[in-house]
Amino acid sequence: MALTTPIKTYRDSQRTPNVVLPPNACDSHVHVFGPAARFSYSENRNLTPVDAPKEKLFALHKRLGIERCVIVHTALHGFDLRATEDAIAHGGGKYLGIALVEPTVAQSELRRLKTAGFRGVRFNFMKHLPSPLSADDLVKFCDRLVDVDMHLQVHFEKELITTLAPTFSSCAKRLPVVLDHMGRVDARDGITGEHYSALCRLLDATSCYVKVSGIDRIDDDPPYVAGKRLAADLVQRFPEQCLWGLDWPHPNHTHVPDDVTLLDALNDIAPTTAALETLLVHNPQRLFRFDV
């Protein structure tokens, strides 16, 4: 398939969710794609998606009962943050963002991004994405984030959890650190798996947050029983350190998941009212600091 052939990475399911969400429930991990007519895609992208603009995202959240959101800027737009910034600007204060920046970004630009509603910066350590800086440089960059009161978000291959854990621990002494998608572990290995155990050791030793998003990335068999089992274990063991997100519109995936299925998984991941409110309301508010 040619790079320029648009790929639709999300469904338009109209099913009604079973889970009952608390007021101010937050989806802490989504992206927006385009529209390409306004916001061009990066020349270095590995696919061309069908547009998934802010209007689609807002409509999805309204239908699902999600009131708050954090938009993680996608590598498909490179370091051009306009699509994400535009969505934040139209979100009425209930949509915030995570930026992708070059390590050489000016401190004045970081301050501008903070004012525009970005709460953190994400760096990728993934095979399909370029790593813009070394682990040592990541620790140094954290001092720049502290200066503008932003946090660090990291996305990494499961094989790197052991080697990167000391780096993340050092960063977590300086500022909040968010670990994406449960460290991309393999859910088939269960709660005693090598990489999942390393993830839990890191969470035990630090105040890092972990996103229990991506049950469909660590387990590609709907309804993601193995993925839900790990997510539920994290929520039970580290209740104050967990965040949740749909990961809509699901780029670089093995399949196109159903968002209602992912939302209803919360019945198993956070099965009590208190657990659900901690995961969807209290933890996101503490980290992202919504004003409305």
C-alpha atoms as a PDB file:
ATOM      1  CA  MET A   1       0.000   0.000   0.000  1.00  0.00           C
ATOM      2  CA  ALA A   2       1.377   3.383  -0.965  1.00  0.00           C
ATOM      3  CA  LEU A   3       2.248   5.824   1.766  1.00  0.00           C
ATOM      4  CA  THR A   4      -0.191   8.333   0.297  1.00  0.00           C
ATOM      5  CA  THR A   5      -3.163   5.943   0.388  1.00  0.00           C
ATOM      6  CA  PRO A   6      -5.301   7.180   3.330  1.00  0.00           C
ATOM      7  CA  ILE A   7      -5.908   4.578   6.031  1.00  0.00           C
ATOM      8  CA  LYS A   8      -8.886   4.783   8.363  1.00  0.00           C
ATOM      9  CA  THR A   9      -7.716   3.832  11.844  1.00  0.00           C
ATOM     10  CA  TYR A  10     -10.991   4.238  13.759  1.00  0.00           C
ATOM     11  CA  ARG A  11     -14.587   3.038  13.654  1.00  0.00           C
ATOM     12  CA  ASP A  12     -17.815   5.016  13.753  1.00  0.00           C
ATOM     13  CA  SER A  13     -19.576   2.761  16.240  1.00  0.00           C
ATOM     14  CA  GLN A  14     -22.908   4.042  17.546  1.00  0.00           C
ATOM     15  CA  ARG A  15     -23.294   1.414  20.276  1.00  0.00           C
ATOM     16  CA  THR A  16     -24.287   2.671  23.721  1.00  0.00           C
ATOM     17  CA  PRO A  17     -21.687   2.038  26.439  1.00  0.00           C
ATOM     18  CA  ASN A  18     -22.588   0.056  29.524  1.00  0.00           C
ATOM     19  CA  VAL A  19     -20.172   1.791  31.878  1.00  0.00           C
ATOM     20  CA  VAL A  20     -21.470   4.779  33.865  1.00  0.00           C
ATOM     21  CA  LEU A  21     -18.842   7.513  33.966  1.00  0.00           C
ATOM     22  CA  PRO A  22     -18.472  10.030  36.800  1.00  0.00           C
ATOM     23  CA  PRO A  23     -18.715  13.791  36.143  1.00  0.00           C
ATOM     24  CA  ASN A  24     -15.484  15.264  34.738  1.00  0.00           C
ATOM     25  CA  ALA A  25     -14.288  11.870  33.495  1.00  0.00           C
ATOM     26  CA  CYS A  26     -11.041  12.369  31.564  1.00  0.00           C
ATOM     27  CA  ASP A  27      -9.741  10.575  28.482  1.00  0.00           C
ATOM     28  CA  SER A  28      -6.023  11.105  29.040  1.00  0.00           C
ATOM     29  CA  HIS A  29      -4.718   9.850  25.702  1.00  0.00           C
ATOM     30  CA  VAL A  30      -6.064  10.641  22.237  1.00  0.00           C
ATOM     31  CA  HIS A  31      -4.734  12.207  19.039  1.00  0.00           C
ATOM     32  CA  VAL A  32      -6.153  14.338  16.247  1.00  0.00           C
ATOM     33  CA  PHE A  33      -5.285  13.842  12.574  1.00  0.00           C
ATOM     34  CA  GLY A  34      -5.667  16.836  10.281  1.00  0.00           C
ATOM     35  CA  PRO A  35      -7.684  17.901   8.504  1.00  0.00           C
ATOM     36  CA  ALA A  36      -4.892  17.639   5.975  1.00  0.00           C
ATOM     37  CA  ALA A  37      -6.270  20.590   4.015  1.00  0.00           C
ATOM     38  CA  ARG A  38      -5.336  22.812   6.981  1.00  0.00           C
ATOM     39  CA  PHE A  39      -2.661  20.883   8.844  1.00  0.00           C
ATOM     40  CA  SER A  40      -0.287  18.928   6.628  1.00  0.00           C
ATOM     41  CA  TYR A  41       1.162  15.572   7.657  1.00  0.00           C
ATOM     42  CA  SER A  42       4.866  15.068   8.192  1.00  0.00           C
ATOM     43  CA  GLU A  43       6.926  14.039   5.201  1.00  0.00           C
ATOM     44  CA  ASN A  44       8.573  11.452   7.478  1.00  0.00           C
ATOM     45  CA  ARG A  45       5.301   9.729   8.415  1.00  0.00           C
ATOM     46  CA  ASN A  46       4.973   5.963   8.068  1.00  0.00           C
ATOM     47  CA  LEU A  47       1.329   6.133   6.948  1.00  0.00           C
ATOM     48  CA  THR A  48      -1.241   8.611   5.730  1.00  0.00           C
ATOM     49  CA  PRO A  49      -4.373   8.474   7.882  1.00  0.00           C
ATOM     50  CA  VAL A  50      -7.924   9.364   7.039  1.00  0.00           C
ATOM     51  CA  ASP A  51      -8.522  12.675   8.779  1.00  0.00           C
ATOM     52  CA  ALA A  52      -9.654  12.393  12.404  1.00  0.00           C
ATOM     53  CA  PRO A  53     -10.135  16.079  13.261  1.00  0.00           C
ATOM     54  CA  LYS A  54     -11.245  17.730  16.476  1.00  0.00           C
ATOM     55  CA  GLU A  55     -14.896  17.705  15.434  1.00  0.00           C
ATOM     56  CA  LYS A  56     -14.862  13.897  15.271  1.00  0.00           C
ATOM     57  CA  LEU A  57     -13.145  13.716  18.647  1.00  0.00           C
ATOM     58  CA  PHE A  58     -15.539  16.154  20.321  1.00  0.00           C
ATOM     59  CA  ALA A  59     -18.543  14.274  18.956  1.00  0.00           C
ATOM     60  CA  LEU A  60     -17.165  10.923  20.150  1.00  0.00           C
ATOM     61  CA  HIS A  61     -16.595  12.225  23.654  1.00  0.00           C
ATOM     62  CA  LYS A  62     -20.029  13.828  23.827  1.00  0.00           C
ATOM     63  CA  ARG A  63     -21.673  10.559  22.845  1.00  0.00           C
ATOM     64  CA  LEU A  64     -19.604   8.523  25.321  1.00  0.00           C
ATOM     65  CA  GLY A  65     -20.036  10.930  28.233  1.00  0.00           C
ATOM     66  CA  ILE A  66     -16.369  11.951  28.482  1.00  0.00           C
ATOM     67  CA  GLU A  67     -16.037  15.567  29.632  1.00  0.00           C
ATOM     68  CA  ARG A  68     -12.273  16.152  29.793  1.00  0.00           C
ATOM     69  CA  CYS A  69      -9.409  15.113  27.562  1.00  0.00           C
ATOM     70  CA  VAL A  70      -5.675  15.293  26.966  1.00  0.00           C
ATOM     71  CA  ILE A  71      -4.620  15.290  23.309  1.00  0.00           C
ATOM     72  CA  VAL A  72      -1.195  13.787  22.708  1.00  0.00           C
ATOM     73  CA  HIS A  73       0.350  15.298  19.606  1.00  0.00           C
ATOM     74  CA  THR A  74       0.961  12.665  16.957  1.00  0.00           C
ATOM     75  CA  ALA A  75       4.219  12.011  15.140  1.00  0.00           C
ATOM     76  CA  LEU A  76       2.139  11.932  11.949  1.00  0.00           C
ATOM     77  CA  HIS A  77       2.187  15.745  12.176  1.00  0.00           C
ATOM     78  CA  GLY A  78       5.833  15.835  13.232  1.00  0.00           C
ATOM     79  CA  PHE A  79       6.784  18.894  15.242  1.00  0.00           C
ATOM     80  CA  ASP A  80       4.039  21.003  13.654  1.00  0.00           C
ATOM     81  CA  LEU A  81       1.715  21.327  16.651  1.00  0.00           C
ATOM     82  CA  ARG A  82      -1.020  23.353  14.967  1.00  0.00           C
ATOM     83  CA  ALA A  83      -3.630  20.584  14.716  1.00  0.00           C
ATOM     84  CA  THR A  84      -3.368  19.762  18.408  1.00  0.00           C
ATOM     85  CA  GLU A  85      -3.149  23.403  19.451  1.00  0.00           C
ATOM     86  CA  ASP A  86      -6.238  24.219  17.394  1.00  0.00           C
ATOM     87  CA  ALA A  87      -8.194  21.419  19.083  1.00  0.00           C
ATOM     88  CA  ILE A  88      -7.147  22.636  22.533  1.00  0.00           C
ATOM     89  CA  ALA A  89      -8.172  26.182  21.649  1.00  0.00           C
ATOM     90  CA  HIS A  90     -11.669  25.001  20.710  1.00  0.00           C
ATOM     91  CA  GLY A  91     -12.074  22.701  23.722  1.00  0.00           C
ATOM     92  CA  GLY A  92     -13.385  25.261  26.187  1.00  0.00           C
ATOM     93  CA  GLY A  93     -10.647  24.563  28.719  1.00  0.00           C
ATOM     94  CA  LYS A  94     -11.616  20.890  28.962  1.00  0.00           C
ATOM     95  CA  TYR A  95      -9.063  19.774  26.370  1.00  0.00           C
ATOM     96  CA  LEU A  96      -5.357  20.033  27.165  1.00  0.00           C
ATOM     97  CA  GLY A  97      -2.317  18.732  25.296  1.00  0.00           C
ATOM     98  CA  ILE A  98       1.018  16.930  25.278  1.00  0.00           C
ATOM     99  CA  ALA A  99       3.571  18.274  22.803  1.00  0.00           C
ATOM    100  CA  LEU A 100       6.233  16.715  20.612  1.00  0.00           C
ATOM    101  CA  VAL A 101       9.245  19.019  20.390  1.00  0.00           C
ATOM    102  CA  GLU A 102      12.788  18.930  19.175  1.00  0.00           C
ATOM    103  CA  PRO A 103      15.401  18.777  21.960  1.00  0.00           C
ATOM    104  CA  THR A 104      16.678  22.157  20.783  1.00  0.00           C
ATOM    105  CA  VAL A 105      13.295  23.839  21.225  1.00  0.00           C
ATOM    106  CA  ALA A 106      13.599  27.349  22.650  1.00  0.00           C
ATOM    107  CA  GLN A 107      12.602  27.841  26.264  1.00  0.00           C
ATOM    108  CA  SER A 108      10.349  30.684  25.147  1.00  0.00           C
ATOM    109  CA  GLU A 109       8.470  28.220  22.924  1.00  0.00           C
ATOM    110  CA  LEU A 110       7.966  25.832  25.835  1.00  0.00           C
ATOM    111  CA  ARG A 111       6.504  28.710  27.834  1.00  0.00           C
ATOM    112  CA  ARG A 112       4.201  29.584  24.943  1.00  0.00           C
ATOM    113  CA  LEU A 113       3.035  25.977  24.693  1.00  0.00           C
ATOM    114  CA  LYS A 114       2.287  25.915  28.422  1.00  0.00           C
ATOM    115  CA  THR A 115       0.157  29.038  28.049  1.00  0.00           C
ATOM    116  CA  ALA A 116      -1.612  27.473  25.052  1.00  0.00           C
ATOM    117  CA  GLY A 117      -2.721  24.499  27.164  1.00  0.00           C
ATOM    118  CA  PHE A 118       0.075  21.960  26.775  1.00  0.00           C
ATOM    119  CA  ARG A 119       0.880  20.282  30.066  1.00  0.00           C
ATOM    120  CA  GLY A 120       3.791  18.073  29.080  1.00  0.00           C
ATOM    121  CA  VAL A 121       6.240  16.904  26.424  1.00  0.00           C
ATOM    122  CA  ARG A 122       6.409  13.390  25.028  1.00  0.00           C
ATOM    123  CA  PHE A 123       9.495  11.555  23.803  1.00  0.00           C
ATOM    124  CA  ASN A 124       9.354   8.254  21.939  1.00  0.00           C
ATOM    125  CA  PHE A 125      11.719   5.334  22.261  1.00  0.00           C
ATOM    126  CA  MET A 126      10.014   3.140  19.654  1.00  0.00           C
ATOM    127  CA  LYS A 127      11.268   1.241  16.614  1.00  0.00           C
ATOM    128  CA  HIS A 128       8.771   2.904  14.274  1.00  0.00           C
ATOM    129  CA  LEU A 129       9.528   6.411  15.607  1.00  0.00           C
ATOM    130  CA  PRO A 130      12.839   8.292  15.687  1.00  0.00           C
ATOM    131  CA  SER A 131      14.322   8.835  19.162  1.00  0.00           C
ATOM    132  CA  PRO A 132      15.389  12.480  19.180  1.00  0.00           C
ATOM    133  CA  LEU A 133      17.707  12.319  22.197  1.00  0.00           C
ATOM    134  CA  SER A 134      19.692   9.923  24.354  1.00  0.00           C
ATOM    135  CA  ALA A 135      18.646   8.752  27.790  1.00  0.00           C
ATOM    136  CA  ASP A 136      21.227  11.036  29.432  1.00  0.00           C
ATOM    137  CA  ASP A 137      20.025  14.014  27.440  1.00  0.00           C
ATOM    138  CA  LEU A 138      16.468  13.201  28.473  1.00  0.00           C
ATOM    139  CA  VAL A 139      17.407  13.694  32.129  1.00  0.00           C
ATOM    140  CA  LYS A 140      18.983  17.048  31.293  1.00  0.00           C
ATOM    141  CA  PHE A 141      15.915  18.092  29.301  1.00  0.00           C
ATOM    142  CA  CYS A 142      13.772  17.516  32.369  1.00  0.00           C
ATOM    143  CA  ASP A 143      15.333  20.557  34.026  1.00  0.00           C
ATOM    144  CA  ARG A 144      13.963  22.650  31.177  1.00  0.00           C
ATOM    145  CA  LEU A 145      10.498  21.191  31.732  1.00  0.00           C
ATOM    146  CA  VAL A 146      10.681  21.929  35.446  1.00  0.00           C
ATOM    147  CA  ASP A 147      11.386  25.556  34.577  1.00  0.00           C
ATOM    148  CA  VAL A 148       8.052  25.845  32.732  1.00  0.00           C
ATOM    149  CA  ASP A 149       6.077  23.521  35.069  1.00  0.00           C
ATOM    150  CA  MET A 150       5.467  20.797  32.496  1.00  0.00           C
ATOM    151  CA  HIS A 151       5.767  17.041  32.912  1.00  0.00           C
ATOM    152  CA  LEU A 152       7.482  14.306  30.910  1.00  0.00           C
ATOM    153  CA  GLN A 153       5.673  11.570  28.990  1.00  0.00           C
ATOM    154  CA  VAL A 154       7.587   8.604  27.556  1.00  0.00           C
ATOM    155  CA  HIS A 155       6.601   5.941  25.041  1.00  0.00           C
ATOM    156  CA  PHE A 156       8.942   2.970  24.752  1.00  0.00           C
ATOM    157  CA  GLU A 157       9.342  -0.604  23.579  1.00  0.00           C
ATOM    158  CA  LYS A 158       8.828  -3.207  26.307  1.00  0.00           C
ATOM    159  CA  GLU A 159      12.386  -4.483  25.784  1.00  0.00           C
ATOM    160  CA  LEU A 160      13.705  -1.104  26.953  1.00  0.00           C
ATOM    161  CA  ILE A 161      11.940  -0.988  30.317  1.00  0.00           C
ATOM    162  CA  THR A 162      14.910  -2.417  32.235  1.00  0.00           C
ATOM    163  CA  THR A 163      17.582  -0.298  30.565  1.00  0.00           C
ATOM    164  CA  LEU A 164      15.525   2.908  30.717  1.00  0.00           C
ATOM    165  CA  ALA A 165      14.197   2.436  34.257  1.00  0.00           C
ATOM    166  CA  PRO A 166      17.180   4.212  35.916  1.00  0.00           C
ATOM    167  CA  THR A 167      16.730   7.138  33.531  1.00  0.00           C
ATOM    168  CA  PHE A 168      13.013   7.399  34.260  1.00  0.00           C
ATOM    169  CA  SER A 169      13.727   7.151  37.998  1.00  0.00           C
ATOM    170  CA  SER A 170      16.154  10.067  37.740  1.00  0.00           C
ATOM    171  CA  CYS A 171      13.617  12.094  35.807  1.00  0.00           C
ATOM    172  CA  ALA A 172      10.865  11.298  38.332  1.00  0.00           C
ATOM    173  CA  LYS A 173      12.942  12.938  41.077  1.00  0.00           C
ATOM    174  CA  ARG A 174      12.630  16.208  39.164  1.00  0.00           C
ATOM    175  CA  LEU A 175       9.079  16.193  37.791  1.00  0.00           C
ATOM    176  CA  PRO A 176       6.073  13.942  37.110  1.00  0.00           C
ATOM    177  CA  VAL A 177       6.794  11.185  34.579  1.00  0.00           C
ATOM    178  CA  VAL A 178       4.041   9.396  32.645  1.00  0.00           C
ATOM    179  CA  LEU A 179       4.657   5.938  31.151  1.00  0.00           C
ATOM    180  CA  ASP A 180       2.539   5.261  28.071  1.00  0.00           C
ATOM    181  CA  HIS A 181       0.341   2.225  27.376  1.00  0.00           C
ATOM    182  CA  MET A 182       1.490   0.039  30.276  1.00  0.00           C
ATOM    183  CA  GLY A 183       5.006  -0.022  28.847  1.00  0.00           C
ATOM    184  CA  ARG A 184       3.761  -1.895  25.764  1.00  0.00           C
ATOM    185  CA  VAL A 185       4.248  -5.209  27.602  1.00  0.00           C
ATOM    186  CA  ASP A 186       2.847  -8.438  26.163  1.00  0.00           C
ATOM    187  CA  ALA A 187      -0.341  -9.263  28.053  1.00  0.00           C
ATOM    188  CA  ARG A 188       0.013 -12.931  27.119  1.00  0.00           C
ATOM    189  CA  ASP A 189       2.916 -13.140  29.579  1.00  0.00           C
ATOM    190  CA  GLY A 190       0.556 -12.290  32.448  1.00  0.00           C
ATOM    191  CA  ILE A 191       1.296 -10.505  35.708  1.00  0.00           C
ATOM    192  CA  THR A 192       4.469 -12.536  36.254  1.00  0.00           C
ATOM    193  CA  GLY A 193       5.906 -11.636  32.849  1.00  0.00           C
ATOM    194  CA  GLU A 194       9.444 -10.243  32.723  1.00  0.00           C
ATOM    195  CA  HIS A 195       8.565  -6.843  31.290  1.00  0.00           C
ATOM    196  CA  TYR A 196       5.411  -6.345  33.333  1.00  0.00           C
ATOM    197  CA  SER A 197       7.329  -7.189  36.519  1.00  0.00           C
ATOM    198  CA  ALA A 198       9.986  -4.616  35.570  1.00  0.00           C
ATOM    199  CA  LEU A 199       7.253  -2.034  34.998  1.00  0.00           C
ATOM    200  CA  CYS A 200       5.782  -2.711  38.436  1.00  0.00           C
ATOM    201  CA  ARG A 201       9.203  -2.443  40.076  1.00  0.00           C
ATOM    202  CA  LEU A 202       9.618   0.990  38.502  1.00  0.00           C
ATOM    203  CA  LEU A 203       6.202   2.091  39.733  1.00  0.00           C
ATOM    204  CA  ASP A 204       6.985   0.722  43.200  1.00  0.00           C
ATOM    205  CA  ALA A 205      10.241   2.668  43.355  1.00  0.00           C
ATOM    206  CA  THR A 206       9.023   5.978  41.952  1.00  0.00           C
ATOM    207  CA  SER A 207       6.018   8.291  41.729  1.00  0.00           C
ATOM    208  CA  CYS A 208       5.708   7.683  37.965  1.00  0.00           C
ATOM    209  CA  TYR A 209       2.243   7.590  36.466  1.00  0.00           C
ATOM    210  CA  VAL A 210       1.253   4.811  34.067  1.00  0.00           C
ATOM    211  CA  LYS A 211      -1.469   4.924  31.444  1.00  0.00           C
ATOM    212  CA  VAL A 212      -3.736   1.881  31.523  1.00  0.00           C
ATOM    213  CA  SER A 213      -4.589   2.728  27.947  1.00  0.00           C
ATOM    214  CA  GLY A 214      -3.731   0.330  25.148  1.00  0.00           C
ATOM    215  CA  ILE A 215      -5.272  -2.899  26.424  1.00  0.00           C
ATOM    216  CA  ASP A 216      -5.833  -3.471  22.697  1.00  0.00           C
ATOM    217  CA  ARG A 217      -2.136  -2.914  21.965  1.00  0.00           C
ATOM    218  CA  ILE A 218      -0.813  -5.389  24.510  1.00  0.00           C
ATOM    219  CA  ASP A 219      -3.582  -7.888  23.685  1.00  0.00           C
ATOM    220  CA  ASP A 220      -4.932  -7.998  20.114  1.00  0.00           C
ATOM    221  CA  ASP A 221      -7.824 -10.355  20.894  1.00  0.00           C
ATOM    222  CA  PRO A 222     -11.101  -8.504  21.691  1.00  0.00           C
ATOM    223  CA  PRO A 223     -12.526  -8.102  24.302  1.00  0.00           C
ATOM    224  CA  TYR A 224      -8.927  -8.017  25.534  1.00  0.00           C
ATOM    225  CA  VAL A 225      -9.248 -10.233  28.596  1.00  0.00           C
ATOM    226  CA  ALA A 226      -5.492 -10.475  29.141  1.00  0.00           C
ATOM    227  CA  GLY A 227      -5.023  -6.724  28.623  1.00  0.00           C
ATOM    228  CA  LYS A 228      -7.800  -5.915  31.072  1.00  0.00           C
ATOM    229  CA  ARG A 229      -6.245  -8.237  33.648  1.00  0.00           C
ATOM    230  CA  LEU A 230      -2.976  -6.284  33.646  1.00  0.00           C
ATOM    231  CA  ALA A 231      -4.731  -2.913  33.653  1.00  0.00           C
ATOM    232  CA  ALA A 232      -6.897  -3.967  36.603  1.00  0.00           C
ATOM    233  CA  ASP A 233      -3.823  -5.185  38.461  1.00  0.00           C
ATOM    234  CA  LEU A 234      -2.129  -1.809  37.988  1.00  0.00           C
ATOM    235  CA  VAL A 235      -5.193   0.093  39.155  1.00  0.00           C
ATOM    236  CA  GLN A 236      -5.425  -2.085  42.250  1.00  0.00           C
ATOM    237  CA  ARG A 237      -1.723  -1.950  43.114  1.00  0.00           C
ATOM    238  CA  PHE A 238      -1.014   1.672  42.109  1.00  0.00           C
ATOM    239  CA  PRO A 239      -4.365   3.481  42.411  1.00  0.00           C
ATOM    240  CA  GLU A 240      -2.893   6.985  42.664  1.00  0.00           C
ATOM    241  CA  GLN A 241      -0.494   6.495  39.729  1.00  0.00           C
ATOM    242  CA  CYS A 242      -2.856   5.352  36.971  1.00  0.00           C
ATOM    243  CA  LEU A 243      -4.442   7.272  34.109  1.00  0.00           C
ATOM    244  CA  TRP A 244      -6.739   5.996  31.366  1.00  0.00           C
ATOM    245  CA  GLY A 245      -7.325   6.821  27.700  1.00  0.00           C
ATOM    246  CA  LEU A 246      -8.969   5.495  24.542  1.00  0.00           C
ATOM    247  CA  ASP A 247      -5.926   6.164  22.330  1.00  0.00           C
ATOM    248  CA  TRP A 248      -8.351   7.255  19.577  1.00  0.00           C
ATOM    249  CA  PRO A 249      -7.943   7.192  16.567  1.00  0.00           C
ATOM    250  CA  HIS A 250      -5.559   4.267  17.065  1.00  0.00           C
ATOM    251  CA  PRO A 251      -2.528   4.865  14.795  1.00  0.00           C
ATOM    252  CA  ASN A 252       0.072   2.182  13.987  1.00  0.00           C
ATOM    253  CA  HIS A 253      -2.124  -0.675  15.120  1.00  0.00           C
ATOM    254  CA  THR A 254      -2.618  -4.354  14.316  1.00  0.00           C
ATOM    255  CA  HIS A 255      -6.403  -3.878  14.019  1.00  0.00           C
ATOM    256  CA  VAL A 256      -9.096  -1.209  14.359  1.00  0.00           C
ATOM    257  CA  PRO A 257     -10.531  -1.452  17.887  1.00  0.00           C
ATOM    258  CA  ASP A 258     -14.049  -0.482  18.897  1.00  0.00           C
ATOM    259  CA  ASP A 259     -14.051   2.485  21.276  1.00  0.00           C
ATOM    260  CA  VAL A 260     -17.172   1.342  23.130  1.00  0.00           C
ATOM    261  CA  THR A 261     -15.464  -1.970  23.855  1.00  0.00           C
ATOM    262  CA  LEU A 262     -12.463  -0.077  25.213  1.00  0.00           C
ATOM    263  CA  LEU A 263     -14.664   2.171  27.331  1.00  0.00           C
ATOM    264  CA  ASP A 264     -16.735  -0.685  28.733  1.00  0.00           C
ATOM    265  CA  ALA A 265     -13.502  -2.406  29.749  1.00  0.00           C
ATOM    266  CA  LEU A 266     -13.458   0.077  32.631  1.00  0.00           C
ATOM    267  CA  ASN A 267     -16.091  -2.088  34.320  1.00  0.00           C
ATOM    268  CA  ASP A 268     -13.343  -4.676  34.788  1.00  0.00           C
ATOM    269  CA  ILE A 269     -10.351  -2.354  35.115  1.00  0.00           C
ATOM    270  CA  ALA A 270     -11.831  -0.079  37.805  1.00  0.00           C
ATOM    271  CA  PRO A 271     -14.857  -1.999  39.088  1.00  0.00           C
ATOM    272  CA  THR A 272     -15.835   0.248  42.016  1.00  0.00           C
ATOM    273  CA  THR A 273     -17.132   3.812  42.036  1.00  0.00           C
ATOM    274  CA  ALA A 274     -14.155   4.948  44.078  1.00  0.00           C
ATOM    275  CA  ALA A 275     -11.631   3.296  41.756  1.00  0.00           C
ATOM    276  CA  LEU A 276     -13.310   4.763  38.688  1.00  0.00           C
ATOM    277  CA  GLU A 277     -13.351   8.285  40.130  1.00  0.00           C
ATOM    278  CA  THR A 278      -9.703   8.038  41.158  1.00  0.00           C
ATOM    279  CA  LEU A 279      -8.684   6.812  37.702  1.00  0.00           C
ATOM    280  CA  LEU A 280     -10.803   9.157  35.583  1.00  0.00           C
ATOM    281  CA  VAL A 281     -11.174  12.275  37.721  1.00  0.00           C
ATOM    282  CA  HIS A 282      -8.808  12.688  40.669  1.00  0.00           C
ATOM    283  CA  ASN A 283      -5.556  11.472  39.124  1.00  0.00           C
ATOM    284  CA  PRO A 284      -5.960  13.464  35.861  1.00  0.00           C
ATOM    285  CA  GLN A 285      -6.903  16.583  37.807  1.00  0.00           C
ATOM    286  CA  ARG A 286      -3.824  16.286  40.017  1.00  0.00           C
ATOM    287  CA  LEU A 287      -1.480  15.858  37.057  1.00  0.00           C
ATOM    288  CA  PHE A 288      -3.010  17.992  34.299  1.00  0.00           C
ATOM    289  CA  ARG A 289      -4.658  20.713  36.445  1.00  0.00           C
ATOM    290  CA  PHE A 290      -7.831  21.441  34.507  1.00  0.00           C
ATOM    291  CA  ASP A 291      -9.246  24.908  35.239  1.00  0.00           C
ATOM    292  CA  VAL A 292     -12.832  24.007  34.274  1.00  0.00           C
END
